[in-house]
């Protein structure tokens, strides 16, 4: 190669340089030029190699990023529920929209009976479950939303149902309260489940101790305030769970400081409550389930119990009213019992029966100060749920119930719930 380049250079030289023979000076000149060209070629070769190396590194980074994104998407489950809820009320119910759920605690007393219907798709939901974060199956996160805003009017507003991180035994974020009972509840067509059960979700930090394969203990701090409720401290909650082949048992409890903010200053008092419940499955076709609550000062935990106080005109949800003269809180309390039976006729058809009663303490100072508040709520339910195809459920449910106040006003409940759902 060197000789070829040298010969080429020589051929390009003028005739008088190459006459009979080439001088030593000219040879040295040509050799220096050759070395210069070789150096430039080497620099060009190194530059090309550097460019190629950078391209390879960029391709590797892009491939790694693409692989990481693909792996991330592989670890995210998207799930949801497309749901249409409807109700036909044969007795009068609140005029406000959202009548597709059982508002037995608000049934009017004086309004003339009339038949009303209501339908909404606001209970449709979508959720995202990110599993194996950092490659660890003990770390995952969940975000789940629905459209049940503004009393279920279905105006398209999103509402957070769940938004939490599970880090080994820790739960951080909004999740099922430790006082909730969805795992043992009788299946309902009504979106918000049955009277006396609990589907409360709260912002919380909680921890789970795995005692053995069948038993675990949970404890946490939860923010149970909402609306006009307030508290200086979060609630302390605890829950024991036993889950064996046929038996699922719960034992629950909480303490929660209640707080009223008045012109004269804050007034505080401790609320508390306990609950027990369970489900026994005779086989894959028959089961019985139920739960009991005794709660003082927090009607938000169980479904369909909230009510405004009448003596001070404040909507503290029926948790308490304020005795301003003695600067004390009058806590409302109740006992509730829900029992249910479930039967599966075949893989496509099942039925549920349920009876619920909630009795508020009529001897309490709260009852004496709020005579128009609820004393007794009852609800008896029967439903059929038909699954014509996988992930599709069609439901029909009848409610017969009653509302009674401390001053003996009564209102009857007679309603039909309808639902159609597709889960994915």
Foldseek 3Di string as FASTA:
>chain_A
DLVVQLVVVVVPDDCVCPPPHHDPVVVVVSVVVSVVVVVVVVVVVVVVVVVVVVVVVVVVVVVVVVVVVVVQVVQKDKKWKFKKKKKKWQADADPDPLVSADLQQGRDFPDHGDIDMHMARQATKMKMKGACVVPRRQKIWMWMWTRCPPNRPHPRDIDTQWTWIGHRFKIAFKDFDLLADPPQAWDDLRPVGDFFGFRDIFGWIKGKDPPDPFKIKMWIFTAQDDDQWDAPGTKIKMKIWGDDDFKIKIKIKIKGWTWDQDPVGIAIDIKMKIKIWMKGDPDPFKIKIKMKMKIKQDPNGTPNQFDAADQVPGRRRQQWDAPVVVGHTFGKIKMKMKIKMKGDPDPFKIKMKMKMKIAIDCVTPSCVRGQFGWGMKIKIKIKMWGDPDPQKIKMKMWIWMKTATNNGRIDITTMIMIMIMGID
